[in-house]
Amino acid sequence: MGEKSSGGSLKMKKVGFIGLGNMGLPMANNILKADIEVNAFDLSKEAMQRADELGMKTKSSASEVIENIDALITMLPNDKAVENIFLKEGLLEKISKNMIVIESSTINPEVSKKVSKKAKEMNISMLDAPVSGGVKGAELGTLTFIVGGEEADLEKAAPLFKIMGDKIFYAGKAGSGQIAKLCNNMLLAIHMCGTAETIAMGVNNGLDPIILSEIMKNSSGGNWSLEKYNPFPGVMKEAPASNNYSGGFLNSLMLKDLNLAKELANQSKSNTPMGRLARELYEELNNQGFEGLDFSSVQQNYLDK
């Protein structure tokens, strides 16, 4: 299932959304714009205020979000947040058996499997469905969903995936979506680092970064970072690099994902030397105090200070 599915037997009238950060809020807003009522919750008062202004029905707790809804979507920052909400706070025990749960956070696959196993024991339909496409993709509704779980549950959730994204990939059983997402993000970090390093070398030798980027985009060095997200300031007007590296996918989140990829590699005894080097570069960025900048700011490692 590489493209949008036209299936989906579950009629959506009201959806719960927990986690209204840079990705979650625009995802929830696209659901709202599809004339589906949204119950929303986040620990951030600012996020709750923005949700309220958009017309969502903000709730005072995660438990209130799940009242009389057809589906629950969570977009949380880390493993701990996912475990806390579903297991320690007992949200799974309060969820209706008729509801579909879509867990879209990027977390350790083992945590995803643990939560999904508990859901299955309680006869709750749950998918791990991390996303690719960044903040812009969340805003435009063009995300790619990488899904793990039961295929029958994927069909139930298809109407919501169609609203928030334009591609759906079924990776396999529970936890598979997380594994595929971590593989993707490790590669993303690798080609972003390589792109930034290479453009800087060209510029240091007198080339125009716009011309060099265009040449490489249309040659064998072409990759997503060059084509969609150029890290060199001024090459792409809409890219974070041309806006002081603000917004987008933060360095702190990229480092989180690379550390999760490291755990995945260790568990499977996989050799990932390029992944290790990318992780070291992002550790350096975060240690320099750039954790709040977009991950394309790795370009700064190669520019004259």
C-alpha atoms as a PDB file:
ATOM      1  CA  MET A   1       0.000   0.000   0.000  1.00  0.00           C
ATOM      2  CA  GLY A   2       2.305   2.741  -1.259  1.00  0.00           C
ATOM      3  CA  GLU A   3      -0.298   5.365  -2.129  1.00  0.00           C
ATOM      4  CA  LYS A   4      -3.405   6.671  -0.410  1.00  0.00           C
ATOM      5  CA  SER A   5      -5.916   3.953   0.269  1.00  0.00           C
ATOM      6  CA  SER A   6      -9.482   4.431  -0.834  1.00  0.00           C
ATOM      7  CA  GLY A   7     -10.652   1.902   1.731  1.00  0.00           C
ATOM      8  CA  GLY A   8     -11.754   2.389   5.275  1.00  0.00           C
ATOM      9  CA  SER A   9     -15.002   1.209   6.793  1.00  0.00           C
ATOM     10  CA  LEU A  10     -14.956   3.332   9.943  1.00  0.00           C
ATOM     11  CA  LYS A  11     -17.042   6.503   9.655  1.00  0.00           C
ATOM     12  CA  MET A  12     -15.228   9.301  11.446  1.00  0.00           C
ATOM     13  CA  LYS A  13     -17.304  11.955  13.216  1.00  0.00           C
ATOM     14  CA  LYS A  14     -15.130  12.802  16.204  1.00  0.00           C
ATOM     15  CA  VAL A  15     -11.411  12.216  16.723  1.00  0.00           C
ATOM     16  CA  GLY A  16      -9.228  12.635  19.794  1.00  0.00           C
ATOM     17  CA  PHE A  17      -5.728  14.069  19.401  1.00  0.00           C
ATOM     18  CA  ILE A  18      -3.075  14.064  22.132  1.00  0.00           C
ATOM     19  CA  GLY A  19       0.191  15.919  21.451  1.00  0.00           C
ATOM     20  CA  LEU A  20      -0.118  19.304  19.750  1.00  0.00           C
ATOM     21  CA  GLY A  21       3.486  20.172  18.962  1.00  0.00           C
ATOM     22  CA  ASN A  22       5.026  21.304  15.668  1.00  0.00           C
ATOM     23  CA  MET A  23       3.701  18.174  13.946  1.00  0.00           C
ATOM     24  CA  GLY A  24       0.623  17.303  15.969  1.00  0.00           C
ATOM     25  CA  LEU A  25      -1.186  20.634  15.781  1.00  0.00           C
ATOM     26  CA  PRO A  26      -1.225  20.929  11.961  1.00  0.00           C
ATOM     27  CA  MET A  27      -2.155  17.233  11.679  1.00  0.00           C
ATOM     28  CA  ALA A  28      -5.104  17.792  14.020  1.00  0.00           C
ATOM     29  CA  ASN A  29      -6.040  20.955  12.159  1.00  0.00           C
ATOM     30  CA  ASN A  30      -6.285  19.075   8.853  1.00  0.00           C
ATOM     31  CA  ILE A  31      -8.712  16.667  10.497  1.00  0.00           C
ATOM     32  CA  LEU A  32     -10.729  19.623  11.765  1.00  0.00           C
ATOM     33  CA  LYS A  33     -10.787  21.151   8.277  1.00  0.00           C
ATOM     34  CA  ALA A  34     -12.242  17.870   6.993  1.00  0.00           C
ATOM     35  CA  ASP A  35     -15.355  18.626   9.089  1.00  0.00           C
ATOM     36  CA  ILE A  36     -14.461  16.131  11.813  1.00  0.00           C
ATOM     37  CA  GLU A  37     -14.788  17.285  15.406  1.00  0.00           C
ATOM     38  CA  VAL A  38     -11.485  17.154  17.322  1.00  0.00           C
ATOM     39  CA  ASN A  39     -11.010  16.659  21.070  1.00  0.00           C
ATOM     40  CA  ALA A  40      -7.506  17.925  21.834  1.00  0.00           C
ATOM     41  CA  PHE A  41      -5.045  17.789  24.717  1.00  0.00           C
ATOM     42  CA  ASP A  42      -1.452  18.821  25.342  1.00  0.00           C
ATOM     43  CA  LEU A  43       0.522  19.631  28.473  1.00  0.00           C
ATOM     44  CA  SER A  44       1.537  22.967  26.916  1.00  0.00           C
ATOM     45  CA  LYS A  45      -0.852  25.827  27.672  1.00  0.00           C
ATOM     46  CA  GLU A  46       0.334  27.635  24.546  1.00  0.00           C
ATOM     47  CA  ALA A  47      -0.448  24.619  22.374  1.00  0.00           C
ATOM     48  CA  MET A  48      -3.880  24.290  23.963  1.00  0.00           C
ATOM     49  CA  GLN A  49      -4.571  27.967  23.308  1.00  0.00           C
ATOM     50  CA  ARG A  50      -3.660  27.585  19.624  1.00  0.00           C
ATOM     51  CA  ALA A  51      -5.877  24.508  19.356  1.00  0.00           C
ATOM     52  CA  ASP A  52      -8.747  26.390  20.951  1.00  0.00           C
ATOM     53  CA  GLU A  53      -8.303  29.296  18.547  1.00  0.00           C
ATOM     54  CA  LEU A  54      -8.459  26.882  15.605  1.00  0.00           C
ATOM     55  CA  GLY A  55     -11.786  25.536  16.825  1.00  0.00           C
ATOM     56  CA  MET A  56     -10.783  22.278  18.479  1.00  0.00           C
ATOM     57  CA  LYS A  57     -12.507  21.186  21.682  1.00  0.00           C
ATOM     58  CA  THR A  58      -9.673  21.363  24.190  1.00  0.00           C
ATOM     59  CA  LYS A  59      -9.846  19.017  27.169  1.00  0.00           C
ATOM     60  CA  SER A  60      -8.223  19.148  30.597  1.00  0.00           C
ATOM     61  CA  SER A  61      -6.834  15.593  30.466  1.00  0.00           C
ATOM     62  CA  ALA A  62      -6.074  12.677  28.167  1.00  0.00           C
ATOM     63  CA  SER A  63      -8.972  10.775  29.737  1.00  0.00           C
ATOM     64  CA  GLU A  64     -11.424  13.494  28.689  1.00  0.00           C
ATOM     65  CA  VAL A  65     -10.135  13.373  25.107  1.00  0.00           C
ATOM     66  CA  ILE A  66     -11.327   9.802  24.558  1.00  0.00           C
ATOM     67  CA  GLU A  67     -14.959  10.408  25.502  1.00  0.00           C
ATOM     68  CA  ASN A  68     -17.318   9.499  22.621  1.00  0.00           C
ATOM     69  CA  ILE A  69     -14.687   9.493  19.863  1.00  0.00           C
ATOM     70  CA  ASP A  70     -14.218   7.199  16.866  1.00  0.00           C
ATOM     71  CA  ALA A  71     -10.412   7.322  16.792  1.00  0.00           C
ATOM     72  CA  LEU A  72      -7.499   8.488  18.923  1.00  0.00           C
ATOM     73  CA  ILE A  73      -4.254   9.849  17.491  1.00  0.00           C
ATOM     74  CA  THR A  74      -1.182  10.491  19.625  1.00  0.00           C
ATOM     75  CA  MET A  75       1.904  12.451  18.588  1.00  0.00           C
ATOM     76  CA  LEU A  76       4.156  12.463  21.638  1.00  0.00           C
ATOM     77  CA  PRO A  77       7.808  13.453  22.167  1.00  0.00           C
ATOM     78  CA  ASN A  78       9.375  10.239  23.476  1.00  0.00           C
ATOM     79  CA  ASP A  79       9.081   6.687  24.840  1.00  0.00           C
ATOM     80  CA  LYS A  80       8.346   7.853  28.367  1.00  0.00           C
ATOM     81  CA  ALA A  81       5.396   9.989  27.308  1.00  0.00           C
ATOM     82  CA  VAL A  82       3.844   7.113  25.356  1.00  0.00           C
ATOM     83  CA  GLU A  83       4.287   4.615  28.197  1.00  0.00           C
ATOM     84  CA  ASN A  84       2.988   7.098  30.770  1.00  0.00           C
ATOM     85  CA  ILE A  85      -0.227   7.878  28.917  1.00  0.00           C
ATOM     86  CA  PHE A  86      -1.160   4.407  27.752  1.00  0.00           C
ATOM     87  CA  LEU A  87       0.197   2.215  30.559  1.00  0.00           C
ATOM     88  CA  LYS A  88       1.019   4.113  33.760  1.00  0.00           C
ATOM     89  CA  GLU A  89      -1.962   6.470  33.532  1.00  0.00           C
ATOM     90  CA  GLY A  90      -4.126   3.581  32.329  1.00  0.00           C
ATOM     91  CA  LEU A  91      -5.589   5.228  29.234  1.00  0.00           C
ATOM     92  CA  LEU A  92      -5.867   1.875  27.453  1.00  0.00           C
ATOM     93  CA  GLU A  93      -8.212   0.629  30.168  1.00  0.00           C
ATOM     94  CA  LYS A  94     -10.620   3.482  29.430  1.00  0.00           C
ATOM     95  CA  ILE A  95     -10.637   3.225  25.645  1.00  0.00           C
ATOM     96  CA  SER A  96     -13.725   1.917  23.858  1.00  0.00           C
ATOM     97  CA  LYS A  97     -13.255  -1.376  22.001  1.00  0.00           C
ATOM     98  CA  ASN A  98     -14.888   0.225  18.924  1.00  0.00           C
ATOM     99  CA  MET A  99     -12.189   2.862  18.666  1.00  0.00           C
ATOM    100  CA  ILE A 100      -9.036   2.760  16.500  1.00  0.00           C
ATOM    101  CA  VAL A 101      -5.806   4.065  18.105  1.00  0.00           C
ATOM    102  CA  ILE A 102      -3.096   5.556  15.882  1.00  0.00           C
ATOM    103  CA  GLU A 103       0.195   6.105  17.712  1.00  0.00           C
ATOM    104  CA  SER A 104       2.270   8.395  15.470  1.00  0.00           C
ATOM    105  CA  SER A 105       5.164   9.257  17.784  1.00  0.00           C
ATOM    106  CA  THR A 106       8.659   8.146  16.790  1.00  0.00           C
ATOM    107  CA  ILE A 107       9.767   5.896  19.651  1.00  0.00           C
ATOM    108  CA  ASN A 108      11.751   2.771  20.446  1.00  0.00           C
ATOM    109  CA  PRO A 109      10.142  -0.163  18.581  1.00  0.00           C
ATOM    110  CA  GLU A 110      10.269  -2.231  21.776  1.00  0.00           C
ATOM    111  CA  VAL A 111       8.096   0.325  23.570  1.00  0.00           C
ATOM    112  CA  SER A 112       5.720   0.350  20.627  1.00  0.00           C
ATOM    113  CA  LYS A 113       5.476  -3.459  20.727  1.00  0.00           C
ATOM    114  CA  LYS A 114       4.895  -3.386  24.491  1.00  0.00           C
ATOM    115  CA  VAL A 115       2.007  -0.919  24.250  1.00  0.00           C
ATOM    116  CA  SER A 116       0.524  -2.654  21.203  1.00  0.00           C
ATOM    117  CA  LYS A 117       0.663  -6.043  22.969  1.00  0.00           C
ATOM    118  CA  LYS A 118      -1.241  -4.614  25.923  1.00  0.00           C
ATOM    119  CA  ALA A 119      -3.819  -3.088  23.564  1.00  0.00           C
ATOM    120  CA  LYS A 120      -4.276  -6.407  21.775  1.00  0.00           C
ATOM    121  CA  GLU A 121      -4.824  -8.203  25.083  1.00  0.00           C
ATOM    122  CA  MET A 122      -7.652  -5.734  25.714  1.00  0.00           C
ATOM    123  CA  ASN A 123      -9.120  -6.183  22.209  1.00  0.00           C
ATOM    124  CA  ILE A 124      -8.224  -2.624  21.214  1.00  0.00           C
ATOM    125  CA  SER A 125      -7.233  -1.883  17.612  1.00  0.00           C
ATOM    126  CA  MET A 126      -3.886  -0.062  17.631  1.00  0.00           C
ATOM    127  CA  LEU A 127      -1.396   0.926  14.953  1.00  0.00           C
ATOM    128  CA  ASP A 128       2.094   2.347  15.254  1.00  0.00           C
ATOM    129  CA  ALA A 129       2.201   4.922  12.459  1.00  0.00           C
ATOM    130  CA  PRO A 130       5.168   7.300  12.619  1.00  0.00           C
ATOM    131  CA  VAL A 131       5.338   9.882   9.864  1.00  0.00           C
ATOM    132  CA  SER A 132       7.782  11.335   7.377  1.00  0.00           C
ATOM    133  CA  GLY A 133       7.461  14.685   5.661  1.00  0.00           C
ATOM    134  CA  GLY A 134       8.244  17.238   8.339  1.00  0.00           C
ATOM    135  CA  VAL A 135       6.260  20.238   9.528  1.00  0.00           C
ATOM    136  CA  LYS A 136       5.527  21.385   5.983  1.00  0.00           C
ATOM    137  CA  GLY A 137       4.099  17.956   5.158  1.00  0.00           C
ATOM    138  CA  ALA A 138       1.968  18.095   8.302  1.00  0.00           C
ATOM    139  CA  GLU A 139       0.644  21.520   7.331  1.00  0.00           C
ATOM    140  CA  LEU A 140      -0.100  20.552   3.723  1.00  0.00           C
ATOM    141  CA  GLY A 141      -1.523  17.128   4.552  1.00  0.00           C
ATOM    142  CA  THR A 142       1.141  15.377   2.486  1.00  0.00           C
ATOM    143  CA  LEU A 143       2.755  13.197   5.157  1.00  0.00           C
ATOM    144  CA  THR A 144       3.906   9.645   4.581  1.00  0.00           C
ATOM    145  CA  PHE A 145       2.603   7.200   7.188  1.00  0.00           C
ATOM    146  CA  ILE A 146       4.751   4.151   7.939  1.00  0.00           C
ATOM    147  CA  VAL A 147       2.425   1.686   9.603  1.00  0.00           C
ATOM    148  CA  GLY A 148       2.851  -1.361  11.803  1.00  0.00           C
ATOM    149  CA  GLY A 149       0.040  -3.533  13.179  1.00  0.00           C
ATOM    150  CA  GLU A 150      -2.845  -5.517  11.765  1.00  0.00           C
ATOM    151  CA  GLU A 151      -3.709  -4.858   8.108  1.00  0.00           C
ATOM    152  CA  ALA A 152      -7.419  -4.921   8.940  1.00  0.00           C
ATOM    153  CA  ASP A 153      -6.855  -2.033  11.364  1.00  0.00           C
ATOM    154  CA  LEU A 154      -4.973  -0.145   8.669  1.00  0.00           C
ATOM    155  CA  GLU A 155      -8.086  -0.273   6.502  1.00  0.00           C
ATOM    156  CA  LYS A 156     -10.168   1.108   9.374  1.00  0.00           C
ATOM    157  CA  ALA A 157      -7.773   4.017   9.821  1.00  0.00           C
ATOM    158  CA  ALA A 158      -7.386   4.774   6.102  1.00  0.00           C
ATOM    159  CA  PRO A 159      -9.860   7.717   6.072  1.00  0.00           C
ATOM    160  CA  LEU A 160      -7.739   9.593   8.610  1.00  0.00           C
ATOM    161  CA  PHE A 161      -4.465   8.769   6.885  1.00  0.00           C
ATOM    162  CA  LYS A 162      -5.943  10.146   3.657  1.00  0.00           C
ATOM    163  CA  ILE A 163      -6.731  13.450   5.387  1.00  0.00           C
ATOM    164  CA  MET A 164      -3.302  13.892   6.972  1.00  0.00           C
ATOM    165  CA  GLY A 165      -1.073  12.402   4.271  1.00  0.00           C
ATOM    166  CA  ASP A 166      -0.732  11.276   0.690  1.00  0.00           C
ATOM    167  CA  LYS A 167       1.195   8.020   1.106  1.00  0.00           C
ATOM    168  CA  ILE A 168       0.676   5.005   3.350  1.00  0.00           C
ATOM    169  CA  PHE A 169       3.166   2.159   3.649  1.00  0.00           C
ATOM    170  CA  TYR A 170       2.386  -1.011   5.551  1.00  0.00           C
ATOM    171  CA  ALA A 171       5.644  -2.187   7.139  1.00  0.00           C
ATOM    172  CA  GLY A 172       4.385  -5.297   8.951  1.00  0.00           C
ATOM    173  CA  LYS A 173       3.408  -6.372  12.454  1.00  0.00           C
ATOM    174  CA  ALA A 174       3.345  -4.104  15.508  1.00  0.00           C
ATOM    175  CA  GLY A 175       6.589  -2.148  15.897  1.00  0.00           C
ATOM    176  CA  SER A 176       7.498  -2.444  12.216  1.00  0.00           C
ATOM    177  CA  GLY A 177       6.449   1.108  11.493  1.00  0.00           C
ATOM    178  CA  GLN A 178       8.911   2.369  14.094  1.00  0.00           C
ATOM    179  CA  ILE A 179      11.751   0.239  12.734  1.00  0.00           C
ATOM    180  CA  ALA A 180      11.195   1.508   9.189  1.00  0.00           C
ATOM    181  CA  LYS A 181      10.938   5.111  10.406  1.00  0.00           C
ATOM    182  CA  LEU A 182      14.248   4.890  12.272  1.00  0.00           C
ATOM    183  CA  CYS A 183      15.949   3.417   9.200  1.00  0.00           C
ATOM    184  CA  ASN A 184      14.559   6.297   7.148  1.00  0.00           C
ATOM    185  CA  ASN A 185      15.646   8.987   9.600  1.00  0.00           C
ATOM    186  CA  MET A 186      19.141   7.592   9.925  1.00  0.00           C
ATOM    187  CA  LEU A 187      19.491   7.793   6.151  1.00  0.00           C
ATOM    188  CA  LEU A 188      17.995  11.301   6.202  1.00  0.00           C
ATOM    189  CA  ALA A 189      20.665  12.408   8.690  1.00  0.00           C
ATOM    190  CA  ILE A 190      23.403  10.784   6.620  1.00  0.00           C
ATOM    191  CA  HIS A 191      22.476  12.446   3.328  1.00  0.00           C
ATOM    192  CA  MET A 192      21.819  15.805   5.019  1.00  0.00           C
ATOM    193  CA  CYS A 193      25.317  15.721   6.545  1.00  0.00           C
ATOM    194  CA  GLY A 194      26.838  14.678   3.208  1.00  0.00           C
ATOM    195  CA  THR A 195      24.915  17.342   1.308  1.00  0.00           C
ATOM    196  CA  ALA A 196      25.988  20.108   3.694  1.00  0.00           C
ATOM    197  CA  GLU A 197      29.617  18.971   3.626  1.00  0.00           C
ATOM    198  CA  THR A 198      29.713  18.784  -0.162  1.00  0.00           C
ATOM    199  CA  ILE A 199      28.072  22.147  -0.827  1.00  0.00           C
ATOM    200  CA  ALA A 200      30.492  23.795   1.595  1.00  0.00           C
ATOM    201  CA  MET A 201      33.447  22.226  -0.214  1.00  0.00           C
ATOM    202  CA  GLY A 202      32.171  23.579  -3.533  1.00  0.00           C
ATOM    203  CA  VAL A 203      31.602  27.060  -2.106  1.00  0.00           C
ATOM    204  CA  ASN A 204      35.065  27.049  -0.498  1.00  0.00           C
ATOM    205  CA  ASN A 205      36.443  26.389  -3.976  1.00  0.00           C
ATOM    206  CA  GLY A 206      34.585  29.275  -5.589  1.00  0.00           C
ATOM    207  CA  LEU A 207      31.324  27.702  -6.774  1.00  0.00           C
ATOM    208  CA  ASP A 208      27.909  29.302  -6.438  1.00  0.00           C
ATOM    209  CA  PRO A 209      25.834  27.139  -4.018  1.00  0.00           C
ATOM    210  CA  ILE A 210      22.697  27.531  -6.162  1.00  0.00           C
ATOM    211  CA  ILE A 211      24.433  26.403  -9.345  1.00  0.00           C
ATOM    212  CA  LEU A 212      26.240  23.560  -7.578  1.00  0.00           C
ATOM    213  CA  SER A 213      23.016  22.372  -5.964  1.00  0.00           C
ATOM    214  CA  GLU A 214      21.212  22.385  -9.317  1.00  0.00           C
ATOM    215  CA  ILE A 215      24.011  20.374 -10.927  1.00  0.00           C
ATOM    216  CA  MET A 216      24.008  17.759  -8.168  1.00  0.00           C
ATOM    217  CA  LYS A 217      20.200  17.581  -8.059  1.00  0.00           C
ATOM    218  CA  ASN A 218      20.214  16.545 -11.688  1.00  0.00           C
ATOM    219  CA  SER A 219      23.209  14.233 -11.423  1.00  0.00           C
ATOM    220  CA  SER A 220      24.020  11.041  -9.572  1.00  0.00           C
ATOM    221  CA  GLY A 221      24.423  12.934  -6.277  1.00  0.00           C
ATOM    222  CA  GLY A 222      20.754  13.909  -6.198  1.00  0.00           C
ATOM    223  CA  ASN A 223      18.913  13.282  -2.916  1.00  0.00           C
ATOM    224  CA  TRP A 224      15.979  14.590  -0.859  1.00  0.00           C
ATOM    225  CA  SER A 225      18.076  17.125   1.056  1.00  0.00           C
ATOM    226  CA  LEU A 226      19.212  18.705  -2.204  1.00  0.00           C
ATOM    227  CA  GLU A 227      15.838  18.578  -3.908  1.00  0.00           C
ATOM    228  CA  LYS A 228      13.465  19.521  -1.089  1.00  0.00           C
ATOM    229  CA  TYR A 229      15.399  20.872   1.887  1.00  0.00           C
ATOM    230  CA  ASN A 230      18.675  22.469   0.829  1.00  0.00           C
ATOM    231  CA  PRO A 231      20.791  23.246   3.927  1.00  0.00           C
ATOM    232  CA  PHE A 232      22.735  26.165   2.434  1.00  0.00           C
ATOM    233  CA  PRO A 233      21.278  29.631   3.243  1.00  0.00           C
ATOM    234  CA  GLY A 234      19.659  31.361   0.288  1.00  0.00           C
ATOM    235  CA  VAL A 235      19.468  28.385  -2.078  1.00  0.00           C
ATOM    236  CA  MET A 236      15.801  27.564  -1.336  1.00  0.00           C
ATOM    237  CA  LYS A 237      13.656  30.455  -0.170  1.00  0.00           C
ATOM    238  CA  GLU A 238      11.141  28.239   1.656  1.00  0.00           C
ATOM    239  CA  ALA A 239      13.702  26.008   3.392  1.00  0.00           C
ATOM    240  CA  PRO A 240      14.573  26.568   7.087  1.00  0.00           C
ATOM    241  CA  ALA A 241      18.171  27.328   6.010  1.00  0.00           C
ATOM    242  CA  SER A 242      16.909  30.583   4.460  1.00  0.00           C
ATOM    243  CA  ASN A 243      15.042  31.478   7.642  1.00  0.00           C
ATOM    244  CA  ASN A 244      17.891  31.238  10.164  1.00  0.00           C
ATOM    245  CA  TYR A 245      17.196  27.500  10.476  1.00  0.00           C
ATOM    246  CA  SER A 246      13.998  28.146  12.426  1.00  0.00           C
ATOM    247  CA  GLY A 247      11.097  25.706  12.541  1.00  0.00           C
ATOM    248  CA  GLY A 248      11.210  22.352  10.821  1.00  0.00           C
ATOM    249  CA  PHE A 249      12.655  19.195  12.374  1.00  0.00           C
ATOM    250  CA  LEU A 250      14.732  20.167  15.391  1.00  0.00           C
ATOM    251  CA  ASN A 251      18.283  18.983  16.038  1.00  0.00           C
ATOM    252  CA  SER A 252      17.134  17.648  19.409  1.00  0.00           C
ATOM    253  CA  LEU A 253      14.592  15.405  17.681  1.00  0.00           C
ATOM    254  CA  MET A 254      17.059  14.206  15.063  1.00  0.00           C
ATOM    255  CA  LEU A 255      19.508  13.267  17.811  1.00  0.00           C
ATOM    256  CA  LYS A 256      16.723  11.440  19.645  1.00  0.00           C
ATOM    257  CA  ASP A 257      15.973   9.409  16.516  1.00  0.00           C
ATOM    258  CA  LEU A 258      19.638   8.686  15.872  1.00  0.00           C
ATOM    259  CA  ASN A 259      20.030   7.421  19.432  1.00  0.00           C
ATOM    260  CA  LEU A 260      16.995   5.183  18.890  1.00  0.00           C
ATOM    261  CA  ALA A 261      18.581   3.959  15.648  1.00  0.00           C
ATOM    262  CA  LYS A 262      21.761   3.191  17.607  1.00  0.00           C
ATOM    263  CA  GLU A 263      19.719   1.049  20.027  1.00  0.00           C
ATOM    264  CA  LEU A 264      18.084  -0.713  17.104  1.00  0.00           C
ATOM    265  CA  ALA A 265      21.475  -1.389  15.520  1.00  0.00           C
ATOM    266  CA  ASN A 266      22.887  -2.727  18.784  1.00  0.00           C
ATOM    267  CA  GLN A 267      19.904  -5.039  19.314  1.00  0.00           C
ATOM    268  CA  SER A 268      20.316  -6.551  15.845  1.00  0.00           C
ATOM    269  CA  LYS A 269      24.136  -6.407  15.822  1.00  0.00           C
ATOM    270  CA  SER A 270      23.991  -4.229  12.680  1.00  0.00           C
ATOM    271  CA  ASN A 271      27.110  -2.356  11.578  1.00  0.00           C
ATOM    272  CA  THR A 272      26.209   1.325  11.019  1.00  0.00           C
ATOM    273  CA  PRO A 273      29.422   3.399  10.783  1.00  0.00           C
ATOM    274  CA  MET A 274      27.817   6.223   8.782  1.00  0.00           C
ATOM    275  CA  GLY A 275      24.904   6.339  11.193  1.00  0.00           C
ATOM    276  CA  ARG A 276      27.401   6.636  14.032  1.00  0.00           C
ATOM    277  CA  LEU A 277      29.210   9.557  12.354  1.00  0.00           C
ATOM    278  CA  ALA A 278      25.917  11.353  11.695  1.00  0.00           C
ATOM    279  CA  ARG A 279      24.937  10.884  15.342  1.00  0.00           C
ATOM    280  CA  GLU A 280      28.261  12.378  16.464  1.00  0.00           C
ATOM    281  CA  LEU A 281      27.691  15.440  14.265  1.00  0.00           C
ATOM    282  CA  TYR A 282      24.229  15.993  15.726  1.00  0.00           C
ATOM    283  CA  GLU A 283      25.534  15.455  19.244  1.00  0.00           C
ATOM    284  CA  GLU A 284      28.023  18.229  18.531  1.00  0.00           C
ATOM    285  CA  LEU A 285      25.269  20.556  17.305  1.00  0.00           C
ATOM    286  CA  ASN A 286      23.141  19.900  20.367  1.00  0.00           C
ATOM    287  CA  ASN A 287      26.110  20.355  22.699  1.00  0.00           C
ATOM    288  CA  GLN A 288      26.800  23.720  21.049  1.00  0.00           C
ATOM    289  CA  GLY A 289      23.325  24.892  22.050  1.00  0.00           C
ATOM    290  CA  PHE A 290      21.664  24.474  18.657  1.00  0.00           C
ATOM    291  CA  GLU A 291      19.100  21.890  19.774  1.00  0.00           C
ATOM    292  CA  GLY A 292      16.251  24.278  18.888  1.00  0.00           C
ATOM    293  CA  LEU A 293      17.351  24.798  15.279  1.00  0.00           C
ATOM    294  CA  ASP A 294      16.287  22.790  12.248  1.00  0.00           C
ATOM    295  CA  PHE A 295      18.415  19.718  11.527  1.00  0.00           C
ATOM    296  CA  SER A 296      19.685  21.254   8.263  1.00  0.00           C
ATOM    297  CA  SER A 297      21.725  23.610  10.477  1.00  0.00           C
ATOM    298  CA  VAL A 298      24.397  20.885  10.378  1.00  0.00           C
ATOM    299  CA  GLN A 299      25.567  23.087   7.476  1.00  0.00           C
ATOM    300  CA  GLN A 300      26.972  25.454  10.085  1.00  0.00           C
ATOM    301  CA  ASN A 301      29.668  22.904  10.911  1.00  0.00           C
ATOM    302  CA  TYR A 302      31.207  23.645   7.529  1.00  0.00           C
ATOM    303  CA  LEU A 303      30.789  27.415   7.226  1.00  0.00           C
ATOM    304  CA  ASP A 304      33.345  30.028   8.242  1.00  0.00           C
ATOM    305  CA  LYS A 305      32.610  31.183  11.778  1.00  0.00           C
END
